[in-house]
Amino acid sequence: MRKRIISFLMIIFTLLISSVNGIAAGPLDGQIIDGSLLTSENSARDEQPLTVQTGLNNHSIVPYGTYLSNGASEITNQGGGLVYVSGSTYCYSVSDKVQITLYLERLSNGGWSTYKTHSRTAYNDYVISTGLGFAVPKGYYYRVRGAHIVTKGSTVESCTTCTSAIYIG
């Protein structure tokens, strides 16, 4: 009898521990709204890499520009209503101005709106990276949209990134 009680208590304890550490599933998981998949993942990342263009006789790599190589953005659930947003803008060579703006967006009433913005600029460099944590209200989906801009002389090149959305519950 004593072994049964101890086994029962261990099962209850295990169930309690696993429910405390479980990730809250978002109510709209699996849907796509304005290009972003809604998930209960812990993080999401988007990167605009070089693209492959197919022609009649060959495949060639097509860069975004002469100076802009690519951009990346990411969002991570830190727990307790905290998210960390980060991103980078990369160049092929040193450029006059390298910029990144990260838009933390929240899904509300079926649409995305900017909740917070974070920007950084570097001069005479080939990369800019940044990241920042934000406290956010729970019960919403969040994504990060990145604007990546490179200036060299009078040439301005840009690309955008947009992550899937993660549920903060």
Foldseek 3Di string as FASTA:
>chain_A
DVVVVVVVVVVVVVVVVCVVPDQDWAPQAQDAAPRAGEGQDQKWKWKDAWDWDDDDPDIDTHAQDQWWGIKMKMWGHPDPQKIKIKMKTFTPAFAQKKKKKKFKWWDDPRDIDGDDMDMDMDGRGGMDMDMDMDRHDANIKIKIKMWIWTHHPPDITIDMIIIHIHHGD
